N, C-alpha and C. Protein backbone atom coordinates (compact mmCIF):
# COMPACT_ATOMS: atom_id res chain seq x y z
N UNK A 1 170.16 129.10 158.94
CA UNK A 1 169.68 128.04 158.08
C UNK A 1 169.33 128.63 156.70
N UNK A 2 169.83 128.00 155.67
CA UNK A 2 169.55 128.45 154.31
C UNK A 2 168.29 127.78 153.79
N UNK A 3 167.45 128.58 153.12
CA UNK A 3 166.19 128.05 152.58
C UNK A 3 166.45 127.06 151.46
N UNK A 4 165.65 126.01 151.46
CA UNK A 4 165.72 124.99 150.42
C UNK A 4 164.97 125.45 149.17
N UNK A 5 163.86 126.20 149.39
CA UNK A 5 163.04 126.67 148.26
C UNK A 5 162.37 127.98 148.63
N UNK A 6 162.03 128.73 147.59
CA UNK A 6 161.30 129.98 147.77
C UNK A 6 159.97 129.84 147.03
N UNK A 7 158.89 130.15 147.72
CA UNK A 7 157.55 130.02 147.14
C UNK A 7 157.05 131.41 146.80
N UNK A 8 156.64 131.57 145.55
CA UNK A 8 156.21 132.86 145.04
C UNK A 8 154.77 132.77 144.54
N UNK A 9 153.87 133.47 145.23
CA UNK A 9 152.46 133.45 144.82
C UNK A 9 152.04 134.76 144.14
N UNK A 10 153.01 135.53 143.65
CA UNK A 10 152.71 136.82 143.05
C UNK A 10 152.10 136.70 141.65
N UNK A 11 152.15 135.50 141.06
CA UNK A 11 151.59 135.30 139.72
C UNK A 11 150.45 134.30 139.71
N UNK A 12 149.69 134.26 140.79
CA UNK A 12 148.55 133.34 140.82
C UNK A 12 147.65 133.63 139.64
N UNK A 13 147.11 132.61 139.05
CA UNK A 13 146.94 131.24 139.53
C UNK A 13 148.12 130.28 139.29
N UNK A 14 149.29 130.80 138.99
CA UNK A 14 150.49 129.96 138.94
C UNK A 14 151.27 130.18 140.23
N UNK A 15 151.43 129.12 141.00
CA UNK A 15 152.20 129.17 142.24
C UNK A 15 153.59 128.65 141.92
N UNK A 16 154.58 129.51 141.98
CA UNK A 16 155.94 129.17 141.58
C UNK A 16 156.76 128.75 142.80
N UNK A 17 157.37 127.58 142.72
CA UNK A 17 158.26 127.09 143.76
C UNK A 17 159.65 126.96 143.13
N UNK A 18 160.58 127.78 143.59
CA UNK A 18 161.94 127.80 143.04
C UNK A 18 162.92 127.24 144.06
N UNK A 19 163.64 126.23 143.67
CA UNK A 19 164.63 125.64 144.57
C UNK A 19 165.91 126.46 144.50
N UNK A 20 166.48 126.72 145.66
CA UNK A 20 167.58 127.67 145.80
C UNK A 20 168.95 127.08 145.44
N UNK A 21 169.06 125.77 145.47
CA UNK A 21 170.35 125.14 145.25
C UNK A 21 171.03 124.75 146.55
N UNK A 22 170.47 125.19 147.67
CA UNK A 22 171.02 124.81 148.98
C UNK A 22 170.61 123.39 149.32
N UNK A 23 171.55 122.65 149.84
CA UNK A 23 171.33 121.25 150.17
C UNK A 23 170.23 121.12 151.22
N UNK A 24 169.27 120.23 150.99
CA UNK A 24 168.22 120.04 152.00
C UNK A 24 168.76 119.26 153.20
N UNK A 25 168.22 119.61 154.34
CA UNK A 25 168.46 118.87 155.57
C UNK A 25 167.10 118.77 156.25
N UNK A 26 166.93 117.93 157.23
CA UNK A 26 165.60 117.80 157.84
C UNK A 26 165.01 119.13 158.31
N UNK A 27 165.84 120.03 158.83
CA UNK A 27 165.33 121.29 159.34
C UNK A 27 164.81 122.21 158.23
N UNK A 28 165.63 122.47 157.21
CA UNK A 28 165.16 123.38 156.16
C UNK A 28 164.09 122.72 155.29
N UNK A 29 164.09 121.40 155.21
CA UNK A 29 163.06 120.71 154.44
C UNK A 29 161.72 120.78 155.18
N UNK A 30 161.75 120.69 156.51
CA UNK A 30 160.53 120.83 157.31
C UNK A 30 159.95 122.22 157.11
N UNK A 31 160.80 123.25 157.13
CA UNK A 31 160.34 124.63 156.90
C UNK A 31 159.74 124.76 155.50
N UNK A 32 160.38 124.16 154.52
CA UNK A 32 159.88 124.17 153.15
C UNK A 32 158.47 123.56 153.09
N UNK A 33 158.28 122.42 153.74
CA UNK A 33 156.96 121.77 153.72
C UNK A 33 155.91 122.59 154.47
N UNK A 34 156.31 123.25 155.56
CA UNK A 34 155.38 124.14 156.26
C UNK A 34 154.98 125.32 155.36
N UNK A 35 155.96 125.91 154.67
CA UNK A 35 155.68 127.01 153.75
C UNK A 35 154.79 126.55 152.60
N UNK A 36 155.03 125.35 152.12
CA UNK A 36 154.23 124.80 151.03
C UNK A 36 152.78 124.60 151.48
N UNK A 37 152.60 124.11 152.69
CA UNK A 37 151.25 123.93 153.24
C UNK A 37 150.52 125.26 153.31
N UNK A 38 151.18 126.28 153.84
CA UNK A 38 150.56 127.60 153.94
C UNK A 38 150.21 128.14 152.56
N UNK A 39 151.07 127.92 151.58
CA UNK A 39 150.83 128.41 150.23
C UNK A 39 149.62 127.72 149.60
N UNK A 40 149.42 126.44 149.89
CA UNK A 40 148.31 125.69 149.30
C UNK A 40 146.98 125.99 150.00
N UNK A 41 147.02 126.27 151.30
CA UNK A 41 145.80 126.32 152.11
C UNK A 41 144.73 127.28 151.61
N UNK A 42 145.08 128.47 151.25
CA UNK A 42 144.08 129.48 150.95
C UNK A 42 144.10 129.94 149.50
N UNK A 43 144.51 129.08 148.60
CA UNK A 43 144.62 129.49 147.20
C UNK A 43 143.98 128.45 146.28
N UNK A 44 142.68 128.41 146.20
CA UNK A 44 142.05 127.42 145.31
C UNK A 44 142.24 127.79 143.84
N UNK A 45 142.32 126.75 143.00
CA UNK A 45 142.37 126.96 141.57
C UNK A 45 143.71 127.38 141.01
N UNK A 46 144.80 126.88 141.55
CA UNK A 46 146.13 127.24 141.07
C UNK A 46 146.84 126.01 140.50
N UNK A 47 147.89 126.26 139.75
CA UNK A 47 148.78 125.22 139.28
C UNK A 47 150.12 125.44 139.96
N UNK A 48 150.65 124.40 140.59
CA UNK A 48 151.95 124.49 141.26
C UNK A 48 153.04 124.21 140.23
N UNK A 49 154.00 125.12 140.15
CA UNK A 49 155.11 124.99 139.21
C UNK A 49 156.40 124.88 140.02
N UNK A 50 156.95 123.69 140.07
CA UNK A 50 158.17 123.42 140.83
C UNK A 50 159.36 123.52 139.88
N UNK A 51 160.11 124.61 139.97
CA UNK A 51 161.29 124.80 139.13
C UNK A 51 162.49 124.18 139.85
N UNK A 52 162.80 122.97 139.46
CA UNK A 52 163.85 122.20 140.12
C UNK A 52 165.16 122.20 139.34
N UNK A 53 165.34 123.18 138.48
CA UNK A 53 166.57 123.23 137.69
C UNK A 53 167.81 123.43 138.55
N UNK A 54 167.63 124.05 139.73
CA UNK A 54 168.75 124.27 140.66
C UNK A 54 168.67 123.38 141.89
N UNK A 55 167.77 122.43 141.88
CA UNK A 55 167.55 121.60 143.08
C UNK A 55 168.66 120.57 143.25
N UNK A 56 169.22 120.50 144.46
CA UNK A 56 170.16 119.42 144.74
C UNK A 56 169.35 118.14 145.03
N UNK A 57 170.02 117.03 145.10
CA UNK A 57 169.34 115.76 145.35
C UNK A 57 168.99 115.63 146.83
N UNK A 58 167.71 115.52 147.14
CA UNK A 58 167.35 115.31 148.55
C UNK A 58 167.66 113.87 148.97
N UNK A 59 168.11 113.71 150.20
CA UNK A 59 168.42 112.37 150.68
C UNK A 59 167.12 111.61 150.97
N UNK A 60 167.25 110.35 151.35
CA UNK A 60 166.07 109.52 151.59
C UNK A 60 165.18 110.06 152.70
N UNK A 61 165.77 110.67 153.72
CA UNK A 61 164.96 111.25 154.80
C UNK A 61 164.04 112.33 154.25
N UNK A 62 164.57 113.21 153.44
CA UNK A 62 163.76 114.29 152.85
C UNK A 62 162.76 113.74 151.83
N UNK A 63 163.16 112.73 151.09
CA UNK A 63 162.22 112.10 150.15
C UNK A 63 161.02 111.52 150.90
N UNK A 64 161.29 110.88 152.01
CA UNK A 64 160.22 110.30 152.83
C UNK A 64 159.36 111.41 153.41
N UNK A 65 159.98 112.50 153.85
CA UNK A 65 159.20 113.64 154.37
C UNK A 65 158.25 114.17 153.30
N UNK A 66 158.73 114.25 152.05
CA UNK A 66 157.89 114.75 150.95
C UNK A 66 156.73 113.80 150.69
N UNK A 67 157.01 112.51 150.66
CA UNK A 67 155.95 111.51 150.45
C UNK A 67 154.93 111.57 151.58
N UNK A 68 155.40 111.71 152.82
CA UNK A 68 154.48 111.82 153.96
C UNK A 68 153.63 113.09 153.85
N UNK A 69 154.24 114.19 153.38
CA UNK A 69 153.49 115.44 153.21
C UNK A 69 152.40 115.26 152.16
N UNK A 70 152.73 114.60 151.05
CA UNK A 70 151.73 114.34 150.01
C UNK A 70 150.58 113.51 150.56
N UNK A 71 150.90 112.50 151.34
CA UNK A 71 149.86 111.63 151.91
C UNK A 71 148.98 112.41 152.88
N UNK A 72 149.61 113.14 153.78
CA UNK A 72 148.88 113.90 154.80
C UNK A 72 147.99 114.98 154.18
N UNK A 73 148.45 115.57 153.10
CA UNK A 73 147.74 116.71 152.49
C UNK A 73 147.04 116.37 151.18
N UNK A 74 146.83 115.10 150.94
CA UNK A 74 146.24 114.63 149.69
C UNK A 74 144.91 115.31 149.38
N UNK A 75 144.02 115.38 150.36
CA UNK A 75 142.71 116.00 150.13
C UNK A 75 142.82 117.49 149.85
N UNK A 76 143.66 118.19 150.61
CA UNK A 76 143.85 119.62 150.39
C UNK A 76 144.43 119.88 149.00
N UNK A 77 145.41 119.10 148.61
CA UNK A 77 146.03 119.27 147.31
C UNK A 77 144.99 119.05 146.21
N UNK A 78 144.21 117.98 146.32
CA UNK A 78 143.19 117.67 145.31
C UNK A 78 142.14 118.77 145.23
N UNK A 79 141.82 119.38 146.36
CA UNK A 79 140.80 120.43 146.40
C UNK A 79 141.31 121.77 145.87
N UNK A 80 142.55 122.11 146.16
CA UNK A 80 143.07 123.45 145.86
C UNK A 80 143.86 123.54 144.56
N UNK A 81 144.56 122.48 144.21
CA UNK A 81 145.53 122.52 143.12
C UNK A 81 144.96 121.85 141.86
N UNK A 82 145.10 122.53 140.73
CA UNK A 82 144.63 121.99 139.45
C UNK A 82 145.60 120.98 138.86
N UNK A 83 146.88 121.14 139.16
CA UNK A 83 147.91 120.26 138.63
C UNK A 83 149.27 120.75 139.06
N UNK A 84 150.27 119.92 138.77
CA UNK A 84 151.64 120.23 139.17
C UNK A 84 152.58 120.06 137.99
N UNK A 85 153.36 121.11 137.73
CA UNK A 85 154.39 121.07 136.70
C UNK A 85 155.74 121.02 137.39
N UNK A 86 156.55 120.05 137.00
CA UNK A 86 157.91 119.95 137.50
C UNK A 86 158.86 120.31 136.36
N UNK A 87 159.78 121.21 136.62
CA UNK A 87 160.77 121.59 135.61
C UNK A 87 162.11 121.02 136.05
N UNK A 88 162.58 120.03 135.30
CA UNK A 88 163.86 119.40 135.62
C UNK A 88 164.38 118.66 134.39
N UNK A 89 165.64 118.81 134.14
CA UNK A 89 166.28 118.09 133.03
C UNK A 89 167.09 116.91 133.55
N UNK A 90 167.58 117.01 134.73
CA UNK A 90 168.48 116.03 135.31
C UNK A 90 167.77 114.68 135.51
N UNK A 91 168.29 113.65 134.86
CA UNK A 91 167.67 112.32 134.93
C UNK A 91 167.71 111.75 136.35
N UNK A 92 168.78 112.04 137.06
CA UNK A 92 168.90 111.54 138.45
C UNK A 92 167.83 112.19 139.33
N UNK A 93 167.57 113.47 139.12
CA UNK A 93 166.53 114.16 139.89
C UNK A 93 165.14 113.63 139.53
N UNK A 94 164.93 113.31 138.25
CA UNK A 94 163.66 112.70 137.84
C UNK A 94 163.48 111.36 138.53
N UNK A 95 164.57 110.62 138.70
CA UNK A 95 164.50 109.33 139.39
C UNK A 95 164.13 109.53 140.86
N UNK A 96 164.66 110.60 141.46
CA UNK A 96 164.31 110.91 142.86
C UNK A 96 162.80 111.21 142.95
N UNK A 97 162.29 111.99 142.01
CA UNK A 97 160.85 112.28 141.99
C UNK A 97 160.05 110.99 141.83
N UNK A 98 160.50 110.09 140.98
CA UNK A 98 159.82 108.79 140.81
C UNK A 98 159.78 108.02 142.13
N UNK A 99 160.87 108.07 142.89
CA UNK A 99 160.91 107.38 144.19
C UNK A 99 159.85 107.98 145.13
N UNK A 100 159.81 109.31 145.20
CA UNK A 100 158.83 109.98 146.07
C UNK A 100 157.42 109.60 145.66
N UNK A 101 157.14 109.66 144.36
CA UNK A 101 155.79 109.38 143.88
C UNK A 101 155.44 107.90 143.93
N UNK A 102 156.45 107.04 144.05
CA UNK A 102 156.16 105.62 144.26
C UNK A 102 155.75 105.36 145.72
N UNK A 103 156.22 106.23 146.62
CA UNK A 103 155.82 106.12 148.03
C UNK A 103 154.42 106.69 148.25
N UNK A 104 154.09 107.75 147.52
CA UNK A 104 152.77 108.38 147.63
C UNK A 104 152.47 109.07 146.31
N UNK A 105 151.38 108.67 145.69
CA UNK A 105 151.05 109.23 144.38
C UNK A 105 150.60 110.69 144.49
N UNK A 106 150.75 111.37 143.40
CA UNK A 106 150.33 112.77 143.28
C UNK A 106 148.80 112.77 143.09
N UNK A 107 148.03 113.51 143.91
CA UNK A 107 146.57 113.48 143.81
C UNK A 107 145.98 114.34 142.70
N UNK A 108 146.83 115.02 141.94
CA UNK A 108 146.38 115.86 140.82
C UNK A 108 147.23 115.53 139.60
N UNK A 109 146.77 115.92 138.40
CA UNK A 109 147.60 115.67 137.23
C UNK A 109 148.96 116.36 137.37
N UNK A 110 150.00 115.72 136.82
CA UNK A 110 151.32 116.34 136.84
C UNK A 110 152.07 115.96 135.58
N UNK A 111 153.03 116.81 135.25
CA UNK A 111 153.92 116.55 134.12
C UNK A 111 155.30 117.06 134.46
N UNK A 112 156.29 116.46 133.83
CA UNK A 112 157.68 116.88 133.99
C UNK A 112 158.11 117.54 132.68
N UNK A 113 158.71 118.72 132.81
CA UNK A 113 159.15 119.49 131.65
C UNK A 113 160.64 119.78 131.76
N UNK A 114 161.25 120.00 130.60
CA UNK A 114 162.68 120.30 130.61
C UNK A 114 162.96 121.80 130.68
N UNK A 115 161.91 122.63 130.50
CA UNK A 115 162.14 124.07 130.59
C UNK A 115 160.87 124.79 131.00
N UNK A 116 161.04 126.04 131.40
CA UNK A 116 159.94 126.86 131.89
C UNK A 116 158.89 127.12 130.82
N UNK A 117 159.30 127.33 129.60
CA UNK A 117 158.35 127.64 128.52
C UNK A 117 157.36 126.50 128.31
N UNK A 118 157.85 125.26 128.29
CA UNK A 118 156.95 124.11 128.14
C UNK A 118 155.99 124.01 129.32
N UNK A 119 156.50 124.24 130.51
CA UNK A 119 155.66 124.19 131.71
C UNK A 119 154.60 125.29 131.67
N UNK A 120 154.99 126.46 131.18
CA UNK A 120 154.07 127.59 131.10
C UNK A 120 152.88 127.26 130.19
N UNK A 121 153.14 126.66 129.05
CA UNK A 121 152.07 126.30 128.11
C UNK A 121 151.08 125.35 128.77
N UNK A 122 151.59 124.32 129.43
CA UNK A 122 150.72 123.34 130.09
C UNK A 122 149.95 124.00 131.23
N UNK A 123 150.64 124.83 132.00
CA UNK A 123 150.02 125.54 133.13
C UNK A 123 148.88 126.43 132.63
N UNK A 124 149.14 127.20 131.60
CA UNK A 124 148.11 128.07 131.05
C UNK A 124 146.91 127.27 130.55
N UNK A 125 147.17 126.11 129.97
CA UNK A 125 146.08 125.25 129.50
C UNK A 125 145.21 124.78 130.67
N UNK A 126 145.84 124.33 131.74
CA UNK A 126 145.07 123.87 132.91
C UNK A 126 144.25 125.00 133.52
N UNK A 127 144.84 126.17 133.61
CA UNK A 127 144.14 127.32 134.19
C UNK A 127 142.97 127.72 133.30
N UNK A 128 143.19 127.77 132.00
CA UNK A 128 142.12 128.13 131.07
C UNK A 128 140.99 127.11 131.12
N UNK A 129 141.35 125.84 131.18
CA UNK A 129 140.35 124.77 131.26
C UNK A 129 139.50 124.93 132.52
N UNK A 130 140.14 125.27 133.63
CA UNK A 130 139.42 125.48 134.89
C UNK A 130 138.53 126.72 134.80
N UNK A 131 139.05 127.79 134.22
CA UNK A 131 138.28 129.02 134.08
C UNK A 131 137.07 128.80 133.17
N UNK A 132 137.25 128.01 132.11
CA UNK A 132 136.15 127.73 131.18
C UNK A 132 135.03 126.97 131.86
N UNK A 133 135.37 126.19 132.86
CA UNK A 133 134.34 125.48 133.62
C UNK A 133 133.47 126.45 134.40
N UNK A 134 134.09 127.53 134.89
CA UNK A 134 133.37 128.49 135.72
C UNK A 134 132.71 129.57 134.89
N UNK A 135 133.46 130.19 134.01
CA UNK A 135 132.96 131.27 133.15
C UNK A 135 133.72 131.24 131.85
N UNK A 136 133.32 132.04 130.96
CA UNK A 136 134.06 132.17 129.69
C UNK A 136 135.40 132.82 130.01
N UNK A 137 136.50 132.21 129.58
CA UNK A 137 137.84 132.70 129.92
C UNK A 137 138.29 133.76 128.94
N UNK A 138 138.87 134.84 129.47
CA UNK A 138 139.37 135.94 128.65
C UNK A 138 140.88 135.99 128.63
N UNK A 139 141.42 137.12 128.23
CA UNK A 139 142.87 137.32 128.17
C UNK A 139 143.44 137.48 129.56
N UNK A 140 144.75 137.47 129.65
CA UNK A 140 145.37 137.74 130.92
C UNK A 140 146.44 136.77 131.32
N UNK A 141 146.56 135.65 130.63
CA UNK A 141 147.57 134.67 131.02
C UNK A 141 148.98 135.12 130.69
N UNK A 142 149.12 136.14 129.91
CA UNK A 142 150.46 136.60 129.56
C UNK A 142 151.21 137.11 130.80
N UNK A 143 150.50 137.36 131.88
CA UNK A 143 151.18 137.84 133.10
C UNK A 143 151.84 136.70 133.87
N UNK A 144 151.50 135.46 133.55
CA UNK A 144 152.07 134.33 134.27
C UNK A 144 153.56 134.26 134.04
N UNK A 145 154.28 133.98 135.08
CA UNK A 145 155.74 133.81 135.06
C UNK A 145 156.41 135.10 134.69
């Protein structure tokens, strides 16, 4: 089975989710959602960055699975995640995301970007804003991405 996405937590507080380009099916999408749950569970104060530039279009079954995952994990997402950045240029893929979010809303702020650099700026802003709430924020965001 080919992975649908790879989750990289090496640059926390930015949690990077990179789609591999492999077509989703119920089996690999279920594994993706399990991996996503594990990634969210023990990492408070992060921004999820979904790089969907290589993502194929998930069918309705997978879209429903994603909406169900958002609903089931709404409290965990709201508690752990500061926000979600989606990187996608494809209008059809944006429409797929709209369908998913119409089934279940995103419990944290989110934005859609056309490139990684735009997403990085927004991500750094959210992280700095969160850090400023806790303590005075210093340098160090240059390591993100």
